[in-house]
Amino acid sequence: MTAAPGDEVLTKRTKPTEPDEPTGPEAGTVAGGDRPWRRALLAGFGIFAASKIALAVVTAFAWIGEKRPNVTATYIAAQWASQWDSKWFIDIAQRGYYPDPDKAPAAFFPMYPMLIRALTPLCLGKPWVAALLVANLASLGALVVLYRLAERELDRVVAGRTVLYLVAFPTAFFLTAGYNEGLFIGLMLASLYCLRQQRWWWAGVFGGLAVFTRSAGVLLAAAFVWEYVRVNRFKLRSSALAVLLIPVGVAGVVAFSLNAYGEPFAFLKAQRYWGRHLDWPWAPVWRGFQSLHSGFGLRFGFSDLWVHNLLELATALASIALLVLCFVGPWRLRRDQWVLPLVGVGLTLLMISFPSSHMPYPLYSASRFGLEVFPAFMILARIGARPWIDRIVIALFFMLQAILAAYFVRGGWVA
């Protein structure tokens, strides 16, 4: 493949610390006895554990001054699985896709509730414990795979910063709460890692499970085709059929919708409950700017609405800017790596193209969905090689997350 001008310089500057992994049974080790997955596990677990300790401290301090006698450690822990969407997931795990006039439960895909239900008996019959267990184990797996992917594509130092920046991100506490963010990110990254390793069937399996978790997983079908054509040109082999495993996830969601509501696409109609609709991607962004401008009147104040819209707009704009830097500039990725930022582009378009007409937030939940745009964290990690940028990013991210996490665990809506 022909390299872009300057690519050879970039390749030397970002040379991986180890050769690409072999694709056979020896894939767990490389020359010199190096064990990349062991290193990824240690790095991912270290950052994971540190983040949980930090969130535990934030949670404890969030209840300072609370006089109610029922505020016990168990009660506070349960709050992480009792806020907003967590209730929907647990309700579905207990009752299935129950009848509802708006078919609202259908908007939540089955993978996460199924895992909650499966593990509830092992969690002393407490579904909230199972919800947190699944979410946190999945998040740990996501961090490990993200480290391994970033190390393979870039280098160890950048991989470490990538994982740290993701965990430090202002809304990263959703990886701890009873949400399916960590599960989806982990399955998506596993599928992409397998694509980069040309393990097509495993990529299809993980892609299908990702779709069964979140609708955004359908982007992995396009990523599969892109990477398969890049590697094999247009020579079709039997491994090309592995792409069909990704739509199997959609078929599973359709089956659940048909069984519960008699409609194969009830999960699409359920979006009306939140007023979500397709719009031009620039329209919600422009309305976000307008909402901020309206806050700078003669009686300026940091209202809840203004702060929320600032967080959502900043996430969307930062994602777009960092994705652009994946393709141009000194931190750009090689052309053979473009499948990664292209998935990020798709995730960002989905994030900003489906606003809610029922709420005064033009970019509703963008700050949470921004966690999924992993290539942005990889490029930010490369930029973070400058110590002063690294310190600013870490300080800003952690301070904002502490504030938002304390607000969320006390029942506040964040994203």
Protein backbone atom coordinates (compact mmCIF):
# COMPACT_ATOMS: atom_id res chain seq x y z
CA MET A 1 0.00 0.00 0.00
CA THR A 2 1.38 3.42 -0.91
CA ALA A 3 2.20 5.54 2.11
CA ALA A 4 1.21 9.17 2.42
CA PRO A 5 4.02 11.76 2.33
CA GLY A 6 5.67 11.80 5.70
CA ASP A 7 4.21 8.45 6.75
CA GLU A 8 7.62 6.85 6.73
CA VAL A 9 8.84 9.46 9.24
CA LEU A 10 5.81 8.90 11.43
CA THR A 11 6.29 5.16 11.28
CA LYS A 12 9.85 5.46 12.57
CA ARG A 13 8.78 7.81 15.33
CA THR A 14 5.97 5.52 16.48
CA LYS A 15 7.59 2.17 15.89
CA PRO A 16 5.94 -0.47 18.09
CA THR A 17 8.01 -1.88 20.89
CA GLU A 18 7.41 -5.36 19.56
CA PRO A 19 6.52 -7.04 16.25
CA ASP A 20 2.94 -7.84 15.34
CA GLU A 21 1.58 -10.85 17.11
CA PRO A 22 1.53 -14.14 15.25
CA THR A 23 -1.86 -15.47 14.32
CA GLY A 24 -1.35 -19.11 15.23
CA PRO A 25 -1.41 -20.97 18.56
CA GLU A 26 1.71 -19.11 19.62
CA ALA A 27 -0.22 -15.82 19.65
CA GLY A 28 0.12 -15.45 23.42
CA THR A 29 3.88 -14.91 23.22
CA VAL A 30 6.33 -13.21 20.91
CA ALA A 31 10.05 -13.29 20.40
CA GLY A 32 12.07 -12.99 23.59
CA GLY A 33 9.39 -14.54 25.77
CA ASP A 34 7.37 -11.33 25.86
CA ARG A 35 3.78 -11.82 27.05
CA PRO A 36 1.78 -8.86 25.75
CA TRP A 37 -1.56 -10.00 27.15
CA ARG A 38 -0.05 -10.44 30.62
CA ARG A 39 1.30 -6.90 30.40
CA ALA A 40 -2.07 -5.62 29.20
CA LEU A 41 -3.84 -7.39 32.08
CA LEU A 42 -1.49 -5.91 34.67
CA ALA A 43 -1.74 -2.42 33.20
CA GLY A 44 -5.51 -2.56 32.78
CA PHE A 45 -6.11 -4.00 36.23
CA GLY A 46 -3.84 -1.44 37.90
CA ILE A 47 -5.71 1.51 36.40
CA PHE A 48 -9.06 -0.22 36.97
CA ALA A 49 -8.34 -0.82 40.67
CA ALA A 50 -7.07 2.72 41.24
CA SER A 51 -10.18 4.18 39.61
CA LYS A 52 -12.51 2.09 41.79
CA ILE A 53 -10.72 3.20 44.95
CA ALA A 54 -10.99 6.82 43.85
CA LEU A 55 -14.70 6.47 43.06
CA ALA A 56 -15.31 4.78 46.41
CA VAL A 57 -13.77 7.79 48.16
CA VAL A 58 -15.81 10.21 46.03
CA THR A 59 -18.98 8.25 46.78
CA ALA A 60 -18.32 8.29 50.52
CA PHE A 61 -17.70 12.04 50.51
CA ALA A 62 -20.83 12.60 48.43
CA TRP A 63 -22.86 11.62 51.52
CA ILE A 64 -21.22 14.03 53.95
CA GLY A 65 -23.87 15.69 56.08
CA GLU A 66 -26.51 13.03 55.37
CA LYS A 67 -28.40 12.46 58.62
CA ARG A 68 -30.61 9.54 57.55
CA PRO A 69 -29.85 6.35 59.51
CA ASN A 70 -30.40 4.12 56.45
CA VAL A 71 -27.29 5.45 54.68
CA THR A 72 -25.11 2.37 55.09
CA ALA A 73 -22.24 1.14 52.94
CA THR A 74 -24.60 -1.34 51.27
CA TYR A 75 -27.17 1.37 50.60
CA ILE A 76 -24.56 3.64 49.03
CA ALA A 77 -23.14 0.81 46.88
CA ALA A 78 -26.64 -0.04 45.67
CA GLN A 79 -27.06 3.52 44.40
CA TRP A 80 -24.58 2.79 41.63
CA ALA A 81 -27.12 0.33 40.19
CA SER A 82 -30.22 2.38 40.99
CA GLN A 83 -29.90 5.48 38.84
CA TRP A 84 -31.72 6.22 35.61
CA ASP A 85 -31.04 3.61 32.88
CA SER A 86 -29.79 1.13 35.48
CA LYS A 87 -33.38 0.68 36.65
CA TRP A 88 -34.50 -0.22 33.14
CA PHE A 89 -31.78 -2.84 32.73
CA ILE A 90 -32.51 -4.47 36.08
CA ASP A 91 -36.26 -4.35 35.47
CA ILE A 92 -35.81 -6.15 32.13
CA ALA A 93 -33.51 -8.69 33.78
CA GLN A 94 -36.22 -9.49 36.33
CA ARG A 95 -39.39 -9.20 34.24
CA GLY A 96 -38.25 -9.59 30.67
CA TYR A 97 -39.52 -7.24 27.98
CA TYR A 98 -42.82 -6.54 29.71
CA PRO A 99 -45.87 -4.96 28.00
CA ASP A 100 -45.63 -1.21 27.80
CA PRO A 101 -47.75 1.30 25.84
CA ASP A 102 -44.64 3.03 24.49
CA LYS A 103 -42.61 -0.18 24.10
CA ALA A 104 -39.93 1.76 25.98
CA PRO A 105 -38.08 -1.33 27.35
CA ALA A 106 -37.33 -2.46 23.78
CA ALA A 107 -34.83 0.40 23.43
CA PHE A 108 -32.49 -1.46 25.81
CA PHE A 109 -30.82 -4.34 24.02
CA PRO A 110 -30.83 -7.82 25.60
CA MET A 111 -27.17 -8.73 26.20
CA TYR A 112 -26.61 -6.84 29.45
CA PRO A 113 -29.98 -7.74 31.07
CA MET A 114 -29.43 -11.40 30.14
CA LEU A 115 -26.06 -11.43 31.88
CA ILE A 116 -27.57 -9.76 34.95
CA ARG A 117 -30.27 -12.40 35.11
CA ALA A 118 -27.77 -15.23 34.66
CA LEU A 119 -25.53 -14.02 37.48
CA THR A 120 -28.24 -12.97 39.95
CA PRO A 121 -28.40 -16.43 41.62
CA LEU A 122 -24.63 -16.23 42.20
CA CYS A 123 -25.07 -12.78 43.79
CA LEU A 124 -27.35 -13.96 46.62
CA GLY A 125 -30.40 -13.21 44.51
CA LYS A 126 -29.63 -9.48 44.36
CA PRO A 127 -29.90 -8.23 40.76
CA TRP A 128 -28.25 -4.90 41.58
CA VAL A 129 -25.14 -6.76 42.70
CA ALA A 130 -25.16 -8.77 39.47
CA ALA A 131 -25.59 -5.57 37.45
CA LEU A 132 -22.52 -4.01 39.05
CA LEU A 133 -20.53 -7.23 38.76
CA VAL A 134 -21.21 -7.57 35.03
CA ALA A 135 -20.59 -3.88 34.35
CA ASN A 136 -17.28 -3.78 36.21
CA LEU A 137 -15.90 -7.07 34.92
CA ALA A 138 -16.78 -5.98 31.40
CA SER A 139 -15.10 -2.62 31.99
CA LEU A 140 -11.95 -4.36 33.19
CA GLY A 141 -11.95 -6.47 30.05
CA ALA A 142 -12.44 -3.35 27.92
CA LEU A 143 -9.42 -1.66 29.51
CA VAL A 144 -7.24 -4.72 28.95
CA VAL A 145 -8.21 -5.01 25.28
CA LEU A 146 -7.86 -1.26 24.76
CA TYR A 147 -4.34 -1.35 26.18
CA ARG A 148 -3.39 -4.30 23.96
CA LEU A 149 -4.88 -2.67 20.86
CA ALA A 150 -3.20 0.69 21.51
CA GLU A 151 0.12 -1.01 22.26
CA ARG A 152 -0.04 -3.03 19.07
CA GLU A 153 -0.97 -0.04 16.92
CA LEU A 154 1.22 2.57 18.65
CA ASP A 155 3.44 1.77 21.65
CA ARG A 156 3.37 0.90 25.34
CA VAL A 157 3.59 4.44 26.69
CA VAL A 158 0.73 5.65 24.52
CA ALA A 159 -1.29 2.55 25.44
CA GLY A 160 -0.94 3.34 29.13
CA ARG A 161 -2.03 6.94 28.65
CA THR A 162 -4.94 5.86 26.43
CA VAL A 163 -6.38 3.65 29.16
CA LEU A 164 -5.72 6.27 31.84
CA TYR A 165 -7.45 9.02 29.85
CA LEU A 166 -10.48 6.82 29.23
CA VAL A 167 -10.81 6.00 32.94
CA ALA A 168 -10.24 9.65 33.88
CA PHE A 169 -12.81 11.02 31.41
CA PRO A 170 -15.51 13.09 33.17
CA THR A 171 -18.27 10.54 32.52
CA ALA A 172 -16.14 7.40 32.94
CA PHE A 173 -18.00 6.60 36.16
CA PHE A 174 -20.62 5.04 33.87
CA LEU A 175 -18.12 2.18 33.51
CA THR A 176 -18.75 1.51 37.22
CA ALA A 177 -22.51 2.10 37.32
CA GLY A 178 -25.16 -0.41 36.27
CA TYR A 179 -24.91 0.54 32.60
CA ASN A 180 -23.86 -1.42 29.51
CA GLU A 181 -21.14 1.02 28.43
CA GLY A 182 -18.21 -1.14 29.51
CA LEU A 183 -19.73 -4.27 27.99
CA PHE A 184 -20.28 -2.64 24.63
CA ILE A 185 -16.86 -0.99 24.54
CA GLY A 186 -15.17 -4.27 25.45
CA LEU A 187 -16.96 -6.29 22.77
CA MET A 188 -16.41 -3.60 20.14
CA LEU A 189 -12.69 -3.41 20.88
CA ALA A 190 -12.38 -7.20 20.90
CA SER A 191 -13.97 -7.35 17.44
CA LEU A 192 -11.65 -4.63 16.09
CA TYR A 193 -8.58 -6.23 17.62
CA CYS A 194 -9.46 -9.51 15.92
CA LEU A 195 -9.97 -7.65 12.64
CA ARG A 196 -6.50 -6.17 12.93
CA GLN A 197 -5.17 -9.68 13.61
CA GLN A 198 -7.14 -11.05 10.63
CA ARG A 199 -9.02 -13.44 12.87
CA TRP A 200 -12.18 -12.95 10.89
CA TRP A 201 -14.47 -15.44 12.61
CA TRP A 202 -13.67 -14.17 16.09
CA ALA A 203 -14.20 -10.63 14.84
CA GLY A 204 -17.64 -11.68 13.63
CA VAL A 205 -18.52 -13.35 16.94
CA PHE A 206 -17.54 -10.35 19.04
CA GLY A 207 -19.21 -8.01 16.55
CA GLY A 208 -22.48 -9.91 16.78
CA LEU A 209 -22.37 -9.77 20.58
CA ALA A 210 -21.64 -6.03 20.42
CA VAL A 211 -24.75 -5.48 18.29
CA PHE A 212 -26.73 -7.58 20.76
CA THR A 213 -25.58 -5.08 23.41
CA ARG A 214 -25.93 -1.72 21.65
CA SER A 215 -27.32 -0.69 18.28
CA ALA A 216 -24.08 1.16 17.48
CA GLY A 217 -22.47 -2.25 17.03
CA VAL A 218 -23.79 -2.38 13.46
CA LEU A 219 -20.86 -0.15 12.53
CA LEU A 220 -18.62 -3.18 12.98
CA ALA A 221 -20.09 -4.75 9.84
CA ALA A 222 -18.77 -1.84 7.78
CA ALA A 223 -15.44 -2.04 9.62
CA PHE A 224 -15.22 -5.76 8.80
CA VAL A 225 -15.79 -5.13 5.09
CA TRP A 226 -13.27 -2.27 5.05
CA GLU A 227 -10.53 -4.28 6.72
CA TYR A 228 -11.25 -7.48 4.79
CA VAL A 229 -11.02 -5.67 1.44
CA ARG A 230 -7.87 -3.84 2.55
CA VAL A 231 -6.14 -7.11 3.43
CA ASN A 232 -7.51 -9.42 0.73
CA ARG A 233 -8.33 -6.87 -1.94
CA PHE A 234 -11.38 -8.32 -3.66
CA LYS A 235 -10.39 -11.97 -3.36
CA LEU A 236 -13.27 -13.55 -1.51
CA ARG A 237 -12.55 -16.52 0.71
CA SER A 238 -14.73 -18.53 3.06
CA SER A 239 -13.61 -16.29 5.94
CA ALA A 240 -15.55 -13.44 4.32
CA LEU A 241 -18.75 -15.15 5.51
CA ALA A 242 -17.77 -14.27 9.07
CA VAL A 243 -19.23 -10.79 8.48
CA LEU A 244 -22.67 -12.42 8.57
CA LEU A 245 -22.22 -13.14 12.26
CA ILE A 246 -22.56 -9.43 13.01
CA PRO A 247 -26.14 -9.08 11.69
CA VAL A 248 -26.99 -12.17 13.76
CA GLY A 249 -26.92 -9.81 16.73
CA VAL A 250 -29.57 -7.68 15.06
CA ALA A 251 -31.62 -10.80 14.35
CA GLY A 252 -31.50 -11.62 18.06
CA VAL A 253 -32.84 -8.19 19.00
CA VAL A 254 -35.56 -8.53 16.36
CA ALA A 255 -36.55 -11.90 17.84
CA PHE A 256 -36.90 -10.39 21.32
CA SER A 257 -38.97 -7.49 19.96
CA LEU A 258 -41.21 -9.80 17.97
CA ASN A 259 -41.78 -12.12 20.91
CA ALA A 260 -42.53 -9.35 23.42
CA TYR A 261 -44.41 -6.80 21.31
CA GLY A 262 -45.43 -8.57 18.13
CA GLU A 263 -43.32 -6.13 16.13
CA PRO A 264 -39.88 -6.97 14.75
CA PHE A 265 -38.63 -3.39 15.04
CA ALA A 266 -40.19 -2.32 18.32
CA PHE A 267 -36.71 -1.28 19.46
CA LEU A 268 -36.76 1.46 16.81
CA LYS A 269 -40.21 2.71 17.71
CA ALA A 270 -39.22 2.75 21.38
CA GLN A 271 -36.92 5.69 20.68
CA ARG A 272 -40.02 7.87 20.39
CA TYR A 273 -40.44 7.52 24.16
CA TRP A 274 -37.34 9.70 24.56
CA GLY A 275 -38.17 11.79 21.52
CA ARG A 276 -35.09 10.67 19.63
CA HIS A 277 -35.17 11.32 15.91
CA LEU A 278 -32.74 11.43 13.02
CA ASP A 279 -31.39 14.89 12.22
CA TRP A 280 -28.56 16.39 10.21
CA PRO A 281 -25.42 15.99 12.37
CA TRP A 282 -24.60 19.71 12.33
CA ALA A 283 -28.10 20.75 13.45
CA PRO A 284 -27.85 19.55 17.09
CA VAL A 285 -24.31 20.97 17.31
CA TRP A 286 -25.55 24.36 16.15
CA ARG A 287 -28.43 24.25 18.62
CA GLY A 288 -25.89 23.41 21.29
CA PHE A 289 -24.01 26.61 20.49
CA GLN A 290 -27.26 28.53 20.57
CA SER A 291 -28.17 27.12 23.98
CA LEU A 292 -24.82 28.27 25.36
CA HIS A 293 -25.20 31.70 23.83
CA SER A 294 -28.60 32.15 25.45
CA GLY A 295 -26.94 31.57 28.84
CA PHE A 296 -24.73 34.63 28.41
CA GLY A 297 -27.51 37.14 28.92
CA LEU A 298 -27.56 40.07 31.29
CA ARG A 299 -28.37 37.69 34.15
CA PHE A 300 -25.68 35.14 33.45
CA GLY A 301 -25.64 32.09 35.69
CA PHE A 302 -24.33 28.54 35.66
CA SER A 303 -27.72 26.87 35.37
CA ASP A 304 -28.14 23.11 35.23
CA LEU A 305 -29.25 23.38 31.61
CA TRP A 306 -26.26 25.53 30.60
CA VAL A 307 -23.70 23.26 32.27
CA HIS A 308 -25.21 20.12 30.75
CA ASN A 309 -25.19 21.58 27.26
CA LEU A 310 -21.59 22.75 27.72
CA LEU A 311 -20.51 19.23 28.71
CA GLU A 312 -22.34 17.61 25.78
CA LEU A 313 -21.10 20.14 23.22
CA ALA A 314 -17.51 20.00 24.48
CA THR A 315 -17.54 16.19 24.20
CA ALA A 316 -18.88 16.28 20.65
CA LEU A 317 -16.46 18.95 19.46
CA ALA A 318 -13.45 17.32 21.15
CA SER A 319 -14.33 13.96 19.57
CA ILE A 320 -14.59 15.54 16.13
CA ALA A 321 -11.31 17.45 16.50
CA LEU A 322 -9.36 14.42 17.75
CA LEU A 323 -10.78 12.21 15.00
CA VAL A 324 -9.63 14.73 12.40
CA LEU A 325 -6.14 14.46 13.89
CA CYS A 326 -6.30 10.71 13.28
CA PHE A 327 -6.08 11.46 9.56
CA VAL A 328 -4.00 14.64 9.31
CA GLY A 329 -1.24 16.27 11.29
CA PRO A 330 1.78 15.01 13.23
CA TRP A 331 -0.19 12.51 15.32
CA ARG A 332 -2.08 10.89 12.44
CA LEU A 333 -2.43 7.14 12.10
CA ARG A 334 -1.10 5.13 9.17
CA ARG A 335 -3.48 4.38 6.34
CA ASP A 336 -3.59 0.70 7.23
CA GLN A 337 -4.91 1.76 10.67
CA TRP A 338 -7.75 3.89 9.35
CA VAL A 339 -10.40 1.31 10.21
CA LEU A 340 -10.09 2.44 13.84
CA PRO A 341 -10.80 6.17 13.39
CA LEU A 342 -13.45 5.37 10.77
CA VAL A 343 -15.36 3.45 13.44
CA GLY A 344 -14.87 6.49 15.67
CA VAL A 345 -16.35 8.71 12.97
CA GLY A 346 -19.38 6.44 12.75
CA LEU A 347 -19.84 6.47 16.53
CA THR A 348 -19.59 10.26 16.60
CA LEU A 349 -22.13 10.66 13.80
CA LEU A 350 -24.56 8.43 15.70
CA MET A 351 -23.87 10.44 18.86
CA ILE A 352 -24.76 13.80 17.31
CA SER A 353 -27.39 12.77 14.75
CA PHE A 354 -30.09 11.46 17.09
CA PRO A 355 -31.09 14.31 19.42
CA SER A 356 -34.18 14.27 21.63
CA SER A 357 -37.03 16.64 20.90
CA HIS A 358 -38.52 16.09 24.38
CA MET A 359 -35.60 17.59 26.27
CA PRO A 360 -33.79 20.94 26.14
CA TYR A 361 -30.47 19.18 25.49
CA PRO A 362 -29.62 19.25 21.76
CA LEU A 363 -26.82 16.67 22.22
CA TYR A 364 -28.60 14.48 24.73
CA SER A 365 -26.19 11.91 26.34
CA ALA A 366 -23.27 12.83 24.05
CA SER A 367 -20.94 13.07 27.05
CA ARG A 368 -21.64 9.42 27.90
CA PHE A 369 -21.49 8.14 24.33
CA GLY A 370 -18.16 9.92 23.96
CA LEU A 371 -16.62 7.12 26.04
CA GLU A 372 -17.07 4.82 23.06
CA VAL A 373 -14.99 6.97 20.69
CA PHE A 374 -11.76 5.18 21.62
CA PRO A 375 -9.59 6.51 18.72
CA ALA A 376 -9.99 10.00 20.21
CA PHE A 377 -8.38 8.77 23.43
CA MET A 378 -5.55 7.14 21.46
CA ILE A 379 -4.73 10.40 19.66
CA LEU A 380 -5.10 12.42 22.87
CA ALA A 381 -2.63 10.00 24.44
CA ARG A 382 -0.12 10.75 21.68
CA ILE A 383 -0.59 14.48 22.21
CA GLY A 384 -0.20 13.87 25.95
CA ALA A 385 3.46 13.01 25.41
CA ARG A 386 3.99 16.66 26.26
CA PRO A 387 4.04 16.70 30.08
CA TRP A 388 2.14 19.97 30.47
CA ILE A 389 -0.71 18.70 28.27
CA ASP A 390 -0.77 15.40 30.14
CA ARG A 391 -1.10 17.19 33.51
CA ILE A 392 -3.87 19.47 32.29
CA VAL A 393 -5.86 16.56 30.82
CA ILE A 394 -5.57 14.40 33.94
CA ALA A 395 -6.34 17.24 36.37
CA LEU A 396 -9.33 18.52 34.39
CA PHE A 397 -10.78 15.07 33.70
CA PHE A 398 -10.49 13.80 37.27
CA MET A 399 -11.88 16.96 38.86
CA LEU A 400 -14.92 16.98 36.59
CA GLN A 401 -15.51 13.27 37.09
CA ALA A 402 -15.43 13.62 40.88
CA ILE A 403 -18.10 16.33 40.72
CA LEU A 404 -20.30 14.48 38.23
CA ALA A 405 -19.95 11.11 39.97
CA ALA A 406 -21.00 12.59 43.32
CA TYR A 407 -23.96 14.26 41.64
CA PHE A 408 -24.94 11.07 39.80
CA VAL A 409 -24.80 8.73 42.81
CA ARG A 410 -27.12 11.12 44.69
CA GLY A 411 -29.73 10.81 41.95
CA GLY A 412 -28.73 13.61 39.58
CA TRP A 413 -29.02 13.14 35.85
CA VAL A 414 -25.72 13.54 34.00
CA ALA A 415 -26.04 11.90 30.57
